[in-house]
Amino acid sequence: MKKFLLVVSAIMMAFGLTACSSNNEGKTDKKEAKEEAATKVDIKKELVRFYMDLGNKINAKDADLNSYVAMATKEDAKPEELPTAEDRAKASESAAAVASELNNYQIPASLKDKKADLEAAIKDFAASYQAKAEELKKDTPNFDAATATFTQGEEKLGKVFESEKLLPPSVDKQVN
């Protein structure tokens, strides 16, 4: 009888150890999956930080440009509400300052895998603002070409975000 109980106890311990060892393997797989997910989450967070920082840098320099555009596009504006040559000159300086800021913008090291794509988008944004600055030196500026270039930049930025399964952002909405 003692031998029988000893054999049953040994079998029960073997089952218990087998069950515990497979649970540890499952925990290890889950832990690795969480680490991989954390890496992706970090990239997503960094992209969002990049987007917010980009918008903040533009907004810090484009107040006069936005003011000019608001005055120039106001429907039923009275003649005294339209922008003056001085407003246009300030807007041109503002757009040039944004272009300069964007030309010197550095992509965070945490986004090194996306650096080329992000730089291409920023290059389009900078070119758009530079085109606006040049157009504002004219008596009747036309922003169509600048808007098209800005839209190209947004599309490029959107593709980077979509590659990480994020919704494409709208820089235009953030800065205007």
C-alpha atoms as a PDB file:
ATOM      1  CA  MET A   1       0.000   0.000   0.000  1.00  0.00           C
ATOM      2  CA  LYS A   2       2.831   2.401   0.840  1.00  0.00           C
ATOM      3  CA  LYS A   3       4.446   1.710  -2.520  1.00  0.00           C
ATOM      4  CA  PHE A   4       1.138   2.427  -4.275  1.00  0.00           C
ATOM      5  CA  LEU A   5       0.765   5.807  -2.484  1.00  0.00           C
ATOM      6  CA  LEU A   6       4.374   6.646  -3.268  1.00  0.00           C
ATOM      7  CA  VAL A   7       3.821   5.941  -6.999  1.00  0.00           C
ATOM      8  CA  VAL A   8       0.570   7.988  -7.037  1.00  0.00           C
ATOM      9  CA  SER A   9       2.327  10.876  -5.256  1.00  0.00           C
ATOM     10  CA  ALA A  10       5.181  10.787  -7.770  1.00  0.00           C
ATOM     11  CA  ILE A  11       2.733  10.837 -10.689  1.00  0.00           C
ATOM     12  CA  MET A  12       0.802  13.766  -9.144  1.00  0.00           C
ATOM     13  CA  MET A  13       4.033  15.717  -8.641  1.00  0.00           C
ATOM     14  CA  ALA A  14       5.048  15.040 -12.250  1.00  0.00           C
ATOM     15  CA  PHE A  15       1.686  16.394 -13.466  1.00  0.00           C
ATOM     16  CA  GLY A  16       2.045  19.421 -11.197  1.00  0.00           C
ATOM     17  CA  LEU A  17       5.553  20.194 -12.432  1.00  0.00           C
ATOM     18  CA  THR A  18       4.481  19.782 -16.041  1.00  0.00           C
ATOM     19  CA  ALA A  19       1.585  22.173 -15.552  1.00  0.00           C
ATOM     20  CA  CYS A  20       3.792  24.746 -13.816  1.00  0.00           C
ATOM     21  CA  SER A  21       6.484  24.600 -16.459  1.00  0.00           C
ATOM     22  CA  SER A  22       4.042  25.166 -19.317  1.00  0.00           C
ATOM     23  CA  ASN A  23       2.546  28.133 -17.425  1.00  0.00           C
ATOM     24  CA  ASN A  24       6.000  29.671 -17.136  1.00  0.00           C
ATOM     25  CA  GLU A  25       6.499  29.295 -20.875  1.00  0.00           C
ATOM     26  CA  GLY A  26       3.162  31.004 -21.471  1.00  0.00           C
ATOM     27  CA  LYS A  27       4.151  33.805 -19.108  1.00  0.00           C
ATOM     28  CA  THR A  28       7.467  34.212 -20.925  1.00  0.00           C
ATOM     29  CA  ASP A  29       5.670  34.433 -24.294  1.00  0.00           C
ATOM     30  CA  LYS A  30       3.236  36.979 -22.873  1.00  0.00           C
ATOM     31  CA  LYS A  31       6.098  38.978 -21.393  1.00  0.00           C
ATOM     32  CA  GLU A  32       7.909  39.036 -24.755  1.00  0.00           C
ATOM     33  CA  ALA A  33       4.698  40.071 -26.500  1.00  0.00           C
ATOM     34  CA  LYS A  34       4.221  42.914 -23.997  1.00  0.00           C
ATOM     35  CA  GLU A  35       7.821  44.077 -24.562  1.00  0.00           C
ATOM     36  CA  GLU A  36       7.251  44.118 -28.329  1.00  0.00           C
ATOM     37  CA  ALA A  37       3.995  46.015 -27.848  1.00  0.00           C
ATOM     38  CA  ALA A  38       5.760  48.489 -25.559  1.00  0.00           C
ATOM     39  CA  THR A  39       8.283  49.161 -28.312  1.00  0.00           C
ATOM     40  CA  LYS A  40       5.479  49.910 -30.769  1.00  0.00           C
ATOM     41  CA  VAL A  41       3.680  52.056 -28.220  1.00  0.00           C
ATOM     42  CA  ASP A  42       6.880  54.028 -27.707  1.00  0.00           C
ATOM     43  CA  ILE A  43       7.127  54.696 -31.444  1.00  0.00           C
ATOM     44  CA  LYS A  44       3.505  55.790 -31.487  1.00  0.00           C
ATOM     45  CA  LYS A  45       4.078  58.069 -28.517  1.00  0.00           C
ATOM     46  CA  GLU A  46       7.183  59.517 -30.140  1.00  0.00           C
ATOM     47  CA  LEU A  47       5.290  60.194 -33.367  1.00  0.00           C
ATOM     48  CA  VAL A  48       2.562  62.007 -31.456  1.00  0.00           C
ATOM     49  CA  ARG A  49       5.183  64.013 -29.540  1.00  0.00           C
ATOM     50  CA  PHE A  50       6.884  64.853 -32.830  1.00  0.00           C
ATOM     51  CA  TYR A  51       3.592  66.031 -34.333  1.00  0.00           C
ATOM     52  CA  MET A  52       2.767  68.173 -31.297  1.00  0.00           C
ATOM     53  CA  ASP A  53       6.270  69.674 -31.218  1.00  0.00           C
ATOM     54  CA  LEU A  54       6.150  70.424 -34.934  1.00  0.00           C
ATOM     55  CA  GLY A  55       2.836  72.222 -34.524  1.00  0.00           C
ATOM     56  CA  ASN A  56       4.119  74.178 -31.541  1.00  0.00           C
ATOM     57  CA  LYS A  57       7.218  75.306 -33.442  1.00  0.00           C
ATOM     58  CA  ILE A  58       5.092  76.516 -36.356  1.00  0.00           C
ATOM     59  CA  ASN A  59       2.537  78.213 -34.103  1.00  0.00           C
ATOM     60  CA  ALA A  60       5.301  80.068 -32.273  1.00  0.00           C
ATOM     61  CA  LYS A  61       6.238  81.877 -35.497  1.00  0.00           C
ATOM     62  CA  ASP A  62       3.114  82.130 -37.675  1.00  0.00           C
ATOM     63  CA  ALA A  63       0.775  84.444 -35.733  1.00  0.00           C
ATOM     64  CA  ASP A  64       1.124  87.337 -38.194  1.00  0.00           C
ATOM     65  CA  LEU A  65       0.598  85.021 -41.156  1.00  0.00           C
ATOM     66  CA  ASN A  66      -2.555  83.547 -39.633  1.00  0.00           C
ATOM     67  CA  SER A  67      -3.844  87.030 -38.838  1.00  0.00           C
ATOM     68  CA  TYR A  68      -3.262  88.141 -42.425  1.00  0.00           C
ATOM     69  CA  VAL A  69      -5.020  85.089 -43.870  1.00  0.00           C
ATOM     70  CA  ALA A  70      -7.988  85.593 -41.532  1.00  0.00           C
ATOM     71  CA  MET A  71      -8.341  89.229 -42.618  1.00  0.00           C
ATOM     72  CA  ALA A  72      -7.818  88.475 -46.318  1.00  0.00           C
ATOM     73  CA  THR A  73     -10.348  85.644 -46.443  1.00  0.00           C
ATOM     74  CA  LYS A  74     -13.071  87.248 -44.343  1.00  0.00           C
ATOM     75  CA  GLU A  75     -16.325  87.319 -46.279  1.00  0.00           C
ATOM     76  CA  ASP A  76     -18.135  90.644 -46.559  1.00  0.00           C
ATOM     77  CA  ALA A  77     -15.132  92.464 -45.099  1.00  0.00           C
ATOM     78  CA  LYS A  78     -15.290  96.233 -45.099  1.00  0.00           C
ATOM     79  CA  PRO A  79     -12.362  98.031 -46.758  1.00  0.00           C
ATOM     80  CA  GLU A  80     -10.929  99.030 -43.379  1.00  0.00           C
ATOM     81  CA  GLU A  81     -10.979  95.357 -42.293  1.00  0.00           C
ATOM     82  CA  LEU A  82      -8.820  94.186 -45.200  1.00  0.00           C
ATOM     83  CA  PRO A  83      -5.105  93.635 -44.584  1.00  0.00           C
ATOM     84  CA  THR A  84      -2.737  96.497 -45.279  1.00  0.00           C
ATOM     85  CA  ALA A  85       0.667  96.409 -46.963  1.00  0.00           C
ATOM     86  CA  GLU A  86       2.175  96.469 -43.484  1.00  0.00           C
ATOM     87  CA  ASP A  87       0.099  93.403 -42.498  1.00  0.00           C
ATOM     88  CA  ARG A  88       1.265  91.658 -45.667  1.00  0.00           C
ATOM     89  CA  ALA A  89       4.917  92.472 -44.862  1.00  0.00           C
ATOM     90  CA  LYS A  90       4.548  91.103 -41.315  1.00  0.00           C
ATOM     91  CA  ALA A  91       2.892  87.985 -42.693  1.00  0.00           C
ATOM     92  CA  SER A  92       5.759  87.511 -45.152  1.00  0.00           C
ATOM     93  CA  GLU A  93       8.305  87.796 -42.343  1.00  0.00           C
ATOM     94  CA  SER A  94       6.265  85.356 -40.261  1.00  0.00           C
ATOM     95  CA  ALA A  95       6.118  82.800 -43.083  1.00  0.00           C
ATOM     96  CA  ALA A  96       9.863  83.158 -43.711  1.00  0.00           C
ATOM     97  CA  ALA A  97      10.548  82.634 -39.995  1.00  0.00           C
ATOM     98  CA  VAL A  98       8.492  79.421 -40.026  1.00  0.00           C
ATOM     99  CA  ALA A  99      10.344  78.197 -43.125  1.00  0.00           C
ATOM    100  CA  SER A 100      13.676  78.894 -41.429  1.00  0.00           C
ATOM    101  CA  GLU A 101      12.553  77.097 -38.267  1.00  0.00           C
ATOM    102  CA  LEU A 102      11.442  74.062 -40.269  1.00  0.00           C
ATOM    103  CA  ASN A 103      14.655  73.974 -42.309  1.00  0.00           C
ATOM    104  CA  ASN A 104      16.588  73.693 -39.023  1.00  0.00           C
ATOM    105  CA  TYR A 105      14.216  71.201 -37.392  1.00  0.00           C
ATOM    106  CA  GLN A 106      15.867  68.023 -36.099  1.00  0.00           C
ATOM    107  CA  ILE A 107      14.066  64.676 -36.093  1.00  0.00           C
ATOM    108  CA  PRO A 108      14.240  63.029 -32.638  1.00  0.00           C
ATOM    109  CA  ALA A 109      16.694  60.131 -32.396  1.00  0.00           C
ATOM    110  CA  SER A 110      13.862  57.877 -31.210  1.00  0.00           C
ATOM    111  CA  LEU A 111      12.338  58.146 -34.699  1.00  0.00           C
ATOM    112  CA  LYS A 112      15.516  57.268 -36.608  1.00  0.00           C
ATOM    113  CA  ASP A 113      13.711  54.533 -38.569  1.00  0.00           C
ATOM    114  CA  LYS A 114      11.241  57.116 -39.889  1.00  0.00           C
ATOM    115  CA  LYS A 115      13.746  59.939 -40.299  1.00  0.00           C
ATOM    116  CA  ALA A 116      13.867  60.085 -44.108  1.00  0.00           C
ATOM    117  CA  ASP A 117      10.073  60.126 -44.450  1.00  0.00           C
ATOM    118  CA  LEU A 118       9.642  62.733 -41.709  1.00  0.00           C
ATOM    119  CA  GLU A 119      12.370  64.926 -43.203  1.00  0.00           C
ATOM    120  CA  ALA A 120      10.621  64.774 -46.594  1.00  0.00           C
ATOM    121  CA  ALA A 121       7.366  65.958 -45.011  1.00  0.00           C
ATOM    122  CA  ILE A 122       9.115  68.776 -43.143  1.00  0.00           C
ATOM    123  CA  LYS A 123      10.899  69.808 -46.347  1.00  0.00           C
ATOM    124  CA  ASP A 124       7.501  70.205 -48.039  1.00  0.00           C
ATOM    125  CA  PHE A 125       6.136  72.211 -45.102  1.00  0.00           C
ATOM    126  CA  ALA A 126       9.173  74.499 -45.182  1.00  0.00           C
ATOM    127  CA  ALA A 127       8.880  74.963 -48.958  1.00  0.00           C
ATOM    128  CA  SER A 128       5.204  75.813 -48.522  1.00  0.00           C
ATOM    129  CA  TYR A 129       5.937  78.522 -45.979  1.00  0.00           C
ATOM    130  CA  GLN A 130       8.780  79.881 -48.098  1.00  0.00           C
ATOM    131  CA  ALA A 131       6.424  80.070 -51.094  1.00  0.00           C
ATOM    132  CA  LYS A 132       3.909  81.954 -48.938  1.00  0.00           C
ATOM    133  CA  ALA A 133       6.628  84.375 -47.862  1.00  0.00           C
ATOM    134  CA  GLU A 134       7.509  85.043 -51.512  1.00  0.00           C
ATOM    135  CA  GLU A 135       3.860  85.422 -52.559  1.00  0.00           C
ATOM    136  CA  LEU A 136       3.240  87.902 -49.752  1.00  0.00           C
ATOM    137  CA  LYS A 137       5.807  90.222 -51.326  1.00  0.00           C
ATOM    138  CA  LYS A 138       3.400  90.650 -54.245  1.00  0.00           C
ATOM    139  CA  ASP A 139       0.422  93.011 -54.237  1.00  0.00           C
ATOM    140  CA  THR A 140      -2.016  90.149 -54.796  1.00  0.00           C
ATOM    141  CA  PRO A 141      -0.587  86.962 -53.306  1.00  0.00           C
ATOM    142  CA  ASN A 142      -1.803  83.585 -54.506  1.00  0.00           C
ATOM    143  CA  PHE A 143      -1.236  80.667 -52.129  1.00  0.00           C
ATOM    144  CA  ASP A 144      -2.408  77.856 -54.434  1.00  0.00           C
ATOM    145  CA  ALA A 145       1.081  76.446 -55.100  1.00  0.00           C
ATOM    146  CA  ALA A 146       2.051  76.785 -51.425  1.00  0.00           C
ATOM    147  CA  THR A 147      -1.136  75.008 -50.370  1.00  0.00           C
ATOM    148  CA  ALA A 148      -0.449  72.155 -52.794  1.00  0.00           C
ATOM    149  CA  THR A 149       3.069  71.732 -51.393  1.00  0.00           C
ATOM    150  CA  PHE A 150       1.726  71.802 -47.826  1.00  0.00           C
ATOM    151  CA  THR A 151      -0.819  69.111 -48.752  1.00  0.00           C
ATOM    152  CA  GLN A 152       2.001  66.921 -50.122  1.00  0.00           C
ATOM    153  CA  GLY A 153       3.786  67.267 -46.785  1.00  0.00           C
ATOM    154  CA  GLU A 154       0.643  66.270 -44.912  1.00  0.00           C
ATOM    155  CA  GLU A 155       0.246  63.212 -47.136  1.00  0.00           C
ATOM    156  CA  LYS A 156       3.831  62.144 -46.459  1.00  0.00           C
ATOM    157  CA  LEU A 157       3.395  62.649 -42.728  1.00  0.00           C
ATOM    158  CA  GLY A 158       0.099  60.769 -42.860  1.00  0.00           C
ATOM    159  CA  LYS A 159       1.782  57.751 -44.454  1.00  0.00           C
ATOM    160  CA  VAL A 160       4.310  57.620 -41.616  1.00  0.00           C
ATOM    161  CA  PHE A 161       1.508  57.657 -39.055  1.00  0.00           C
ATOM    162  CA  GLU A 162      -0.514  55.070 -40.970  1.00  0.00           C
ATOM    163  CA  SER A 163       2.527  52.764 -41.099  1.00  0.00           C
ATOM    164  CA  GLU A 164       2.287  52.650 -37.302  1.00  0.00           C
ATOM    165  CA  LYS A 165      -1.484  52.125 -37.447  1.00  0.00           C
ATOM    166  CA  LEU A 166      -2.224  55.700 -36.322  1.00  0.00           C
ATOM    167  CA  LEU A 167      -4.697  58.064 -37.896  1.00  0.00           C
ATOM    168  CA  PRO A 168      -3.003  60.606 -40.150  1.00  0.00           C
ATOM    169  CA  PRO A 169      -2.735  63.981 -38.424  1.00  0.00           C
ATOM    170  CA  SER A 170      -3.738  67.330 -39.849  1.00  0.00           C
ATOM    171  CA  VAL A 171      -0.944  69.828 -39.396  1.00  0.00           C
ATOM    172  CA  ASP A 172      -3.098  72.393 -41.194  1.00  0.00           C
ATOM    173  CA  LYS A 173      -5.789  72.185 -38.506  1.00  0.00           C
ATOM    174  CA  GLN A 174      -3.217  72.403 -35.748  1.00  0.00           C
ATOM    175  CA  VAL A 175      -1.448  75.499 -37.066  1.00  0.00           C
ATOM    176  CA  ASN A 176      -4.307  77.496 -38.605  1.00  0.00           C
END
